[in-house]
């Protein structure tokens, strides 16, 4: 699980020089940038990373075109985002000036972009493409429509990727009134949901970096620190290890009872929960790992809930067999939690969110491990496994590790911790 807004990556000077004594909170100096935290005892882990190469990208386009033919889709329209990166390599931003790609069922890709942006777009373009530009006084949708006419697709079935904005799809519908606009999910999801070994290797590296950053950060957490301090430590370690920080969500005490946190002031206190939910990217591919622990002696109630969540995570993995509907994983966890007095369903105290989500280039991807999801699990699919338990007004516990499906069953990217007392083993 990732937060809607990542924790700020600011640190305080005390985290550079060793332990804070109890009661030292009043002596905390001004915040410091994470880049100034001493991480000289860490070394980069990305020396063996292999980026996605031309052969991999060509295979993606071939698979997409095969899926288009199987689903009677003649072309797919994509705007900037992870799908554009996935198919073309173009790393771009959404703006009022349309940049988009059209993937036809036959032939090379088409890219439409503002004239003055073309040189920048070409810097990350990683596949052969027909690049067509438009000027500020021209209509980019007309460029897309003409490109489709040139390919003989003016009356075809055009798949619209699910994140394409309305003005683009509506404009295309008016520009090509005889075309039929349909969902591109059978193509885009059909490709992106099933990761290749190259993608899984990058996700494994991202997970390894996050775990290493956790292990470095944990012994440096001190009484009185706030979420920003801990987030700064994780950020500094992640960057030193070679990852790109995606998010650091730090929830302390009662705030851990609310999956995405609280705006109330929080500090590390002995005997209270520390919930860390952090992730990074390597070549764009993400990790998402959560740990919950308690500085000092853990209350019995926290220990009981932690053990219950650990068992819920185990049940989720045991249920995730090839061919099993994704929703069955969520159902198995909730059935167990109900027997333990939580829930039922999504009610609190209990598990108020899905058991897991897809992950890859996006932190949250289809499909989810959620009640009612009928998509069968298959080799190459990647998911988070995070069946947390939340007790409003008290505390929450979340353990989160991601796994990928193989023909033989699920395989962890990161191994769950053995106990509350050994959260990063």
Protein backbone atom coordinates (compact mmCIF):
# COMPACT_ATOMS: atom_id res chain seq x y z
CA UNK A 1 0.00 0.00 0.00
CA UNK A 2 1.24 3.44 -0.81
CA UNK A 3 0.11 6.78 0.59
CA UNK A 4 -1.76 9.31 -1.55
CA UNK A 5 0.96 11.79 -0.59
CA UNK A 6 4.42 10.52 0.37
CA UNK A 7 5.93 11.52 3.68
CA UNK A 8 8.27 14.47 3.32
CA UNK A 9 11.94 13.58 3.02
CA UNK A 10 13.25 15.97 5.67
CA UNK A 11 15.56 15.02 8.50
CA UNK A 12 16.72 16.59 11.76
CA UNK A 13 20.35 17.04 12.72
CA UNK A 14 20.06 14.66 15.66
CA UNK A 15 19.68 11.65 13.37
CA UNK A 16 23.16 12.25 12.00
CA UNK A 17 25.03 11.99 15.24
CA UNK A 18 23.64 8.99 17.10
CA UNK A 19 20.98 8.23 19.66
CA UNK A 20 18.59 10.69 21.13
CA UNK A 21 18.15 10.44 24.85
CA UNK A 22 14.64 10.32 26.28
CA UNK A 23 13.30 13.80 26.68
CA UNK A 24 15.63 15.19 24.01
CA UNK A 25 12.72 16.21 21.80
CA UNK A 26 12.88 19.84 22.94
CA UNK A 27 16.49 20.04 21.74
CA UNK A 28 15.77 19.06 18.11
CA UNK A 29 17.38 21.51 15.65
CA UNK A 30 15.90 22.64 12.37
CA UNK A 31 15.08 20.08 9.66
CA UNK A 32 17.87 18.98 7.34
CA UNK A 33 17.78 17.59 3.83
CA UNK A 34 17.99 13.82 3.50
CA UNK A 35 20.96 14.23 1.14
CA UNK A 36 23.03 15.40 4.11
CA UNK A 37 22.52 12.23 6.15
CA UNK A 38 25.69 10.17 6.40
CA UNK A 39 25.20 6.95 4.42
CA UNK A 40 28.88 6.31 3.73
CA UNK A 41 28.57 2.78 5.15
CA UNK A 42 26.22 1.80 2.30
CA UNK A 43 27.10 0.88 -1.29
CA UNK A 44 25.07 0.88 -4.47
CA UNK A 45 23.26 -2.35 -5.30
CA UNK A 46 22.45 -1.66 -8.95
CA UNK A 47 25.72 -2.53 -10.67
CA UNK A 48 24.18 -5.66 -12.19
CA UNK A 49 20.87 -4.10 -13.26
CA UNK A 50 19.85 -4.74 -16.87
CA UNK A 51 17.43 -2.14 -18.29
CA UNK A 52 14.62 -3.17 -20.60
CA UNK A 53 16.26 -3.64 -24.00
CA UNK A 54 15.14 -3.32 -27.61
CA UNK A 55 14.33 -7.02 -27.94
CA UNK A 56 12.05 -6.88 -24.88
CA UNK A 57 10.22 -3.83 -26.24
CA UNK A 58 9.80 -5.46 -29.65
CA UNK A 59 8.31 -8.53 -27.98
CA UNK A 60 5.84 -6.31 -26.10
CA UNK A 61 4.61 -4.75 -29.32
CA UNK A 62 4.33 -8.15 -30.99
CA UNK A 63 2.27 -9.46 -28.10
CA UNK A 64 0.07 -6.34 -28.11
CA UNK A 65 -0.58 -6.75 -31.83
CA UNK A 66 -1.40 -10.42 -31.35
CA UNK A 67 -3.90 -9.51 -28.62
CA UNK A 68 -5.40 -6.84 -30.87
CA UNK A 69 -6.03 -9.40 -33.56
CA UNK A 70 -7.46 -11.88 -31.06
CA UNK A 71 -9.85 -9.23 -29.69
CA UNK A 72 -10.74 -7.56 -33.00
CA UNK A 73 -9.07 -4.28 -32.07
CA UNK A 74 -7.39 -2.39 -34.92
CA UNK A 75 -5.36 0.12 -32.90
CA UNK A 76 -4.85 1.34 -29.33
CA UNK A 77 -4.62 4.96 -28.16
CA UNK A 78 -2.35 5.70 -25.18
CA UNK A 79 -1.53 8.93 -23.33
CA UNK A 80 1.50 9.58 -21.07
CA UNK A 81 1.88 7.29 -18.09
CA UNK A 82 3.18 3.83 -17.35
CA UNK A 83 1.56 2.26 -20.42
CA UNK A 84 3.27 4.75 -22.73
CA UNK A 85 6.60 3.96 -21.06
CA UNK A 86 5.89 0.23 -21.27
CA UNK A 87 5.20 0.17 -25.01
CA UNK A 88 7.32 3.02 -26.38
CA UNK A 89 9.83 4.02 -23.68
CA UNK A 90 8.54 7.61 -23.83
CA UNK A 91 8.70 9.21 -20.40
CA UNK A 92 6.40 12.18 -20.62
CA UNK A 93 3.89 14.15 -18.61
CA UNK A 94 0.20 14.85 -19.01
CA UNK A 95 -0.57 18.40 -20.04
CA UNK A 96 -3.13 20.34 -22.03
CA UNK A 97 -0.80 19.87 -25.03
CA UNK A 98 -1.54 16.35 -26.17
CA UNK A 99 1.24 13.83 -26.62
CA UNK A 100 -0.07 10.35 -27.42
CA UNK A 101 0.83 7.09 -29.10
CA UNK A 102 -1.23 4.89 -31.38
CA UNK A 103 -0.31 1.22 -31.52
CA UNK A 104 -1.81 -0.31 -34.67
CA UNK A 105 -2.45 -4.01 -35.08
CA UNK A 106 -0.07 -3.93 -38.04
CA UNK A 107 2.98 -1.78 -38.61
CA UNK A 108 5.03 0.53 -36.42
CA UNK A 109 3.75 2.79 -33.69
CA UNK A 110 2.55 6.33 -34.30
CA UNK A 111 3.49 9.16 -31.93
CA UNK A 112 1.74 12.54 -31.99
CA UNK A 113 3.33 15.41 -30.08
CA UNK A 114 3.70 19.21 -30.20
CA UNK A 115 6.26 20.37 -32.77
CA UNK A 116 8.44 22.09 -30.19
CA UNK A 117 8.40 19.01 -27.93
CA UNK A 118 9.51 16.51 -30.58
CA UNK A 119 13.25 16.62 -29.77
CA UNK A 120 12.54 15.99 -26.08
CA UNK A 121 10.07 13.20 -26.80
CA UNK A 122 12.57 11.47 -29.06
CA UNK A 123 15.12 11.36 -26.23
CA UNK A 124 13.22 8.54 -24.51
CA UNK A 125 11.46 7.03 -27.54
CA UNK A 126 12.78 3.46 -27.64
CA UNK A 127 10.87 1.84 -30.53
CA UNK A 128 10.58 2.57 -34.27
CA UNK A 129 7.74 5.05 -34.72
CA UNK A 130 6.09 7.42 -37.16
CA UNK A 131 6.34 10.72 -35.26
CA UNK A 132 3.80 13.34 -36.31
CA UNK A 133 3.84 16.85 -34.88
CA UNK A 134 1.28 19.57 -34.48
CA UNK A 135 1.65 23.32 -33.98
CA UNK A 136 -0.03 25.47 -31.38
CA UNK A 137 -2.77 26.61 -33.80
CA UNK A 138 -3.58 23.05 -34.90
CA UNK A 139 -5.69 20.20 -33.50
CA UNK A 140 -3.69 17.19 -32.28
CA UNK A 141 -6.74 14.95 -32.51
CA UNK A 142 -6.86 15.70 -36.23
CA UNK A 143 -3.29 14.40 -36.47
CA UNK A 144 -4.28 11.16 -34.76
CA UNK A 145 -7.34 10.77 -36.96
CA UNK A 146 -5.29 11.34 -40.12
CA UNK A 147 -2.71 8.80 -39.01
CA UNK A 148 -5.48 6.23 -38.57
CA UNK A 149 -6.92 7.09 -42.00
CA UNK A 150 -3.48 6.63 -43.52
CA UNK A 151 -3.38 3.13 -42.03
CA UNK A 152 -6.85 2.34 -43.39
CA UNK A 153 -8.41 2.36 -39.90
CA UNK A 154 -10.94 5.20 -40.18
CA UNK A 155 -13.79 2.73 -39.70
CA UNK A 156 -11.95 0.35 -37.40
CA UNK A 157 -12.29 -0.61 -33.75
CA UNK A 158 -10.03 1.70 -31.76
CA UNK A 159 -9.07 0.65 -28.24
CA UNK A 160 -8.86 3.42 -25.66
CA UNK A 161 -6.39 2.82 -22.80
CA UNK A 162 -8.21 3.26 -19.50
CA UNK A 163 -6.29 6.40 -18.44
CA UNK A 164 -6.84 8.35 -21.66
CA UNK A 165 -8.66 11.60 -20.88
CA UNK A 166 -12.20 12.26 -22.11
CA UNK A 167 -11.27 15.17 -24.39
CA UNK A 168 -8.95 12.88 -26.35
CA UNK A 169 -11.34 9.95 -26.75
CA UNK A 170 -14.34 12.20 -27.37
CA UNK A 171 -12.41 14.24 -29.90
CA UNK A 172 -11.38 11.09 -31.75
CA UNK A 173 -14.98 9.85 -31.79
CA UNK A 174 -16.05 13.08 -33.51
CA UNK A 175 -13.07 13.10 -35.88
CA UNK A 176 -13.73 9.52 -36.98
CA UNK A 177 -17.51 9.07 -36.65
CA UNK A 178 -17.46 5.69 -38.40
CA UNK A 179 -14.86 4.23 -36.06
CA UNK A 180 -15.94 2.28 -32.99
CA UNK A 181 -14.18 3.13 -29.73
CA UNK A 182 -13.74 0.19 -27.34
CA UNK A 183 -11.78 -0.61 -24.20
CA UNK A 184 -8.10 -1.38 -24.73
CA UNK A 185 -7.97 -3.44 -21.52
CA UNK A 186 -7.76 -6.81 -23.31
CA UNK A 187 -4.55 -5.58 -24.94
CA UNK A 188 -2.91 -3.33 -22.35
CA UNK A 189 -3.81 -5.44 -19.33
CA UNK A 190 -3.14 -8.57 -21.32
CA UNK A 191 0.46 -7.41 -21.75
CA UNK A 192 1.25 -5.53 -18.56
CA UNK A 193 -0.32 -7.94 -16.04
CA UNK A 194 1.99 -10.80 -17.02
CA UNK A 195 5.55 -9.74 -16.20
CA UNK A 196 8.53 -11.15 -18.05
CA UNK A 197 11.71 -12.40 -16.36
CA UNK A 198 13.39 -9.07 -17.18
CA UNK A 199 10.63 -7.13 -15.41
CA UNK A 200 10.61 -9.48 -12.42
CA UNK A 201 14.37 -9.07 -12.07
CA UNK A 202 13.97 -5.28 -11.81
CA UNK A 203 11.17 -5.65 -9.25
CA UNK A 204 13.35 -8.04 -7.27
CA UNK A 205 16.15 -5.50 -7.21
CA UNK A 206 13.77 -2.74 -6.05
CA UNK A 207 12.56 -5.00 -3.24
CA UNK A 208 16.10 -5.90 -2.23
CA UNK A 209 16.99 -2.21 -2.00
CA UNK A 210 13.96 -1.39 0.12
CA UNK A 211 14.73 -4.23 2.53
CA UNK A 212 18.37 -3.10 2.76
CA UNK A 213 17.22 0.48 3.44
CA UNK A 214 14.88 -0.78 6.17
CA UNK A 215 17.68 -2.71 7.84
CA UNK A 216 19.92 0.36 7.80
CA UNK A 217 17.18 2.69 9.05
CA UNK A 218 15.72 0.56 11.83
CA UNK A 219 18.60 0.80 14.36
CA UNK A 220 18.79 4.57 13.78
CA UNK A 221 15.20 5.25 14.85
CA UNK A 222 15.10 7.01 18.20
CA UNK A 223 12.50 8.10 20.71
CA UNK A 224 11.03 11.46 19.77
CA UNK A 225 11.56 11.19 16.03
CA UNK A 226 8.66 12.09 13.76
CA UNK A 227 7.57 10.64 10.42
CA UNK A 228 9.70 13.11 8.48
CA UNK A 229 12.84 12.10 10.32
CA UNK A 230 12.31 8.40 9.65
CA UNK A 231 11.28 9.07 6.06
CA UNK A 232 14.47 11.05 5.56
CA UNK A 233 16.56 8.13 6.77
CA UNK A 234 14.80 5.74 4.39
CA UNK A 235 15.14 8.17 1.50
CA UNK A 236 18.85 8.72 2.10
CA UNK A 237 19.52 4.98 2.37
CA UNK A 238 17.41 4.13 -0.68
CA UNK A 239 19.19 6.65 -2.86
CA UNK A 240 22.62 5.56 -1.65
CA UNK A 241 21.70 1.95 -2.46
CA UNK A 242 20.76 2.95 -6.01
CA UNK A 243 16.96 3.10 -5.84
CA UNK A 244 14.68 6.04 -6.57
CA UNK A 245 12.42 6.72 -3.60
CA UNK A 246 8.78 6.36 -4.59
CA UNK A 247 7.16 6.89 -1.19
CA UNK A 248 7.82 6.65 2.54
CA UNK A 249 4.67 6.46 4.67
CA UNK A 250 5.48 6.47 8.38
CA UNK A 251 2.63 6.01 10.88
CA UNK A 252 3.26 6.27 14.61
CA UNK A 253 1.06 5.22 17.52
CA UNK A 254 -2.65 5.69 16.94
CA UNK A 255 -1.99 6.95 13.39
CA UNK A 256 -1.20 3.35 12.42
CA UNK A 257 -4.90 2.56 12.91
CA UNK A 258 -5.67 4.53 9.75
CA UNK A 259 -4.17 2.90 6.64
CA UNK A 260 -3.02 6.16 5.05
CA UNK A 261 -2.31 7.98 8.28
CA UNK A 262 -3.36 11.03 10.21
CA UNK A 263 -2.53 14.74 10.10
CA UNK A 264 -2.08 14.85 13.88
CA UNK A 265 1.45 15.28 15.30
CA UNK A 266 3.25 11.96 15.78
CA UNK A 267 6.41 10.94 17.62
CA UNK A 268 8.18 7.66 18.27
CA UNK A 269 7.38 6.52 21.82
CA UNK A 270 8.46 3.45 23.70
CA UNK A 271 5.78 0.76 23.72
CA UNK A 272 3.87 2.26 20.75
CA UNK A 273 3.52 0.99 17.21
CA UNK A 274 5.78 2.16 14.38
CA UNK A 275 4.31 1.28 10.97
CA UNK A 276 6.54 1.88 7.94
CA UNK A 277 5.23 1.50 4.38
CA UNK A 278 8.00 2.27 1.88
CA UNK A 279 8.92 1.65 -1.72
CA UNK A 280 11.35 2.59 -4.46
CA UNK A 281 11.84 2.10 -8.17
CA UNK A 282 14.60 0.57 -10.26
CA UNK A 283 14.32 1.40 -13.97
CA UNK A 284 10.74 2.42 -13.19
CA UNK A 285 9.71 -0.89 -11.57
CA UNK A 286 8.40 -0.64 -8.03
CA UNK A 287 8.68 -2.21 -4.61
CA UNK A 288 6.08 -1.86 -1.84
CA UNK A 289 6.96 -3.26 1.59
CA UNK A 290 5.45 -2.59 5.03
CA UNK A 291 6.76 -3.43 8.46
CA UNK A 292 5.30 -2.90 11.92
CA UNK A 293 7.32 -2.98 15.14
CA UNK A 294 7.37 -1.53 18.65
CA UNK A 295 10.35 0.20 20.32
CA UNK A 296 10.84 -1.30 23.77
CA UNK A 297 8.35 -3.78 25.20
CA UNK A 298 5.38 -4.46 22.94
CA UNK A 299 1.93 -4.53 24.60
CA UNK A 300 0.29 -7.95 24.55
CA UNK A 301 -2.59 -6.60 22.44
CA UNK A 302 -0.19 -5.44 19.72
CA UNK A 303 1.66 -8.74 19.78
CA UNK A 304 -1.60 -10.68 19.36
CA UNK A 305 -2.69 -8.56 16.40
CA UNK A 306 0.77 -8.74 14.81
CA UNK A 307 0.71 -12.55 14.99
CA UNK A 308 -2.79 -12.59 13.51
CA UNK A 309 -1.72 -10.40 10.57
CA UNK A 310 1.33 -12.60 9.98
CA UNK A 311 -0.97 -15.63 9.76
CA UNK A 312 -3.30 -13.71 7.44
CA UNK A 313 -0.37 -12.98 5.15
CA UNK A 314 0.58 -16.66 5.18
CA UNK A 315 -2.99 -17.71 4.34
CA UNK A 316 -3.10 -15.25 1.45
CA UNK A 317 0.06 -16.69 -0.08
CA UNK A 318 -1.10 -20.27 0.45
CA UNK A 319 -4.37 -19.48 -1.36
CA UNK A 320 -2.67 -17.82 -4.34
CA UNK A 321 -2.42 -20.82 -6.64
CA UNK A 322 -2.36 -20.68 -10.46
CA UNK A 323 -5.92 -20.65 -11.79
CA UNK A 324 -7.43 -19.47 -8.49
CA UNK A 325 -9.68 -16.38 -8.83
CA UNK A 326 -7.86 -13.36 -7.41
CA UNK A 327 -10.81 -12.60 -5.13
CA UNK A 328 -10.47 -15.96 -3.40
CA UNK A 329 -7.25 -14.76 -1.76
CA UNK A 330 -9.09 -11.88 -0.12
CA UNK A 331 -11.97 -14.16 0.89
CA UNK A 332 -9.65 -16.65 2.61
CA UNK A 333 -8.04 -13.94 4.72
CA UNK A 334 -11.38 -12.44 5.76
CA UNK A 335 -12.76 -15.83 6.72
CA UNK A 336 -9.79 -16.33 9.05
CA UNK A 337 -10.06 -12.82 10.51
CA UNK A 338 -13.77 -13.27 11.18
CA UNK A 339 -13.00 -16.38 13.22
CA UNK A 340 -10.56 -14.27 15.23
CA UNK A 341 -13.23 -11.66 15.99
CA UNK A 342 -12.41 -9.06 13.34
CA UNK A 343 -14.75 -7.74 10.68
CA UNK A 344 -16.85 -9.26 9.25
CA UNK A 345 -16.11 -8.14 5.72
CA UNK A 346 -14.60 -4.68 5.55
CA UNK A 347 -15.94 -3.46 8.90
CA UNK A 348 -13.68 -2.27 11.72
CA UNK A 349 -11.90 -3.31 13.78
CA UNK A 350 -10.60 -5.48 10.98
CA UNK A 351 -9.25 -5.29 7.43
CA UNK A 352 -10.85 -2.27 5.77
CA UNK A 353 -8.97 -2.46 2.45
CA UNK A 354 -8.25 -5.16 -0.12
CA UNK A 355 -5.73 -7.86 0.71
CA UNK A 356 -3.47 -6.82 -2.17
CA UNK A 357 -3.04 -5.01 -5.46
CA UNK A 358 -1.19 -5.60 -8.69
CA UNK A 359 2.21 -3.91 -8.97
CA UNK A 360 4.82 -3.22 -11.65
CA UNK A 361 5.58 0.07 -13.38
CA UNK A 362 2.65 1.47 -11.40
CA UNK A 363 2.48 1.03 -7.64
CA UNK A 364 -1.14 -0.03 -8.02
CA UNK A 365 -2.03 -2.03 -11.13
CA UNK A 366 -4.87 -4.33 -12.14
CA UNK A 367 -5.98 -6.71 -10.85
CA UNK A 368 -6.58 -6.58 -7.11
CA UNK A 369 -6.79 -9.30 -4.50
CA UNK A 370 -10.27 -8.17 -3.55
CA UNK A 371 -13.63 -9.84 -2.96
CA UNK A 372 -15.43 -10.54 -6.23
CA UNK A 373 -12.41 -10.34 -8.55
CA UNK A 374 -12.77 -13.33 -10.87
CA UNK A 375 -9.53 -13.00 -12.87
CA UNK A 376 -7.58 -16.25 -12.47
CA UNK A 377 -4.05 -16.00 -11.14
CA UNK A 378 -1.40 -16.84 -13.72
CA UNK A 379 2.36 -16.97 -14.08
CA UNK A 380 3.96 -13.50 -14.28
CA UNK A 381 1.29 -11.68 -12.28
CA UNK A 382 2.67 -9.63 -9.39
CA UNK A 383 0.82 -8.59 -6.23
CA UNK A 384 1.22 -7.02 -2.84
CA UNK A 385 0.15 -9.17 0.12
CA UNK A 386 -0.91 -6.79 2.91
CA UNK A 387 -3.82 -8.04 5.05
CA UNK A 388 -3.48 -5.42 7.79
CA UNK A 389 -5.67 -5.10 10.86
CA UNK A 390 -6.80 -1.71 12.14
CA UNK A 391 -8.28 -0.81 15.52
CA UNK A 392 -9.50 2.82 15.33
CA UNK A 393 -8.45 4.92 18.30
CA UNK A 394 -5.80 2.38 19.29
CA UNK A 395 -3.30 1.12 16.71
CA UNK A 396 -2.92 -0.81 13.48
CA UNK A 397 -0.60 -3.49 12.13
CA UNK A 398 0.32 -3.96 8.50
CA UNK A 399 2.80 -6.42 7.08
CA UNK A 400 3.29 -6.15 3.34
CA UNK A 401 5.45 -8.14 0.99
CA UNK A 402 5.01 -8.59 -2.75
CA UNK A 403 5.04 -11.84 -4.68
CA UNK A 404 4.96 -12.98 -8.28
CA UNK A 405 3.15 -15.97 -9.67
CA UNK A 406 5.04 -18.85 -11.28
CA UNK A 407 3.73 -22.04 -12.86
CA UNK A 408 4.48 -23.76 -9.54
CA UNK A 409 2.82 -21.13 -7.38
CA UNK A 410 3.61 -17.79 -5.73
CA UNK A 411 7.15 -16.65 -4.96
CA UNK A 412 8.07 -13.82 -2.59
CA UNK A 413 10.04 -10.76 -3.68
CA UNK A 414 10.74 -10.14 0.02
CA UNK A 415 10.29 -12.62 2.84
CA UNK A 416 7.91 -11.72 5.69
CA UNK A 417 9.52 -11.12 9.09
CA UNK A 418 9.52 -14.06 11.53
CA UNK A 419 8.18 -12.14 14.53
CA UNK A 420 7.35 -8.76 15.99
CA UNK A 421 10.71 -8.80 17.76
CA UNK A 422 12.60 -9.48 14.52
CA UNK A 423 10.83 -7.16 12.04
CA UNK A 424 13.64 -6.95 9.49
CA UNK A 425 15.08 -10.47 9.49
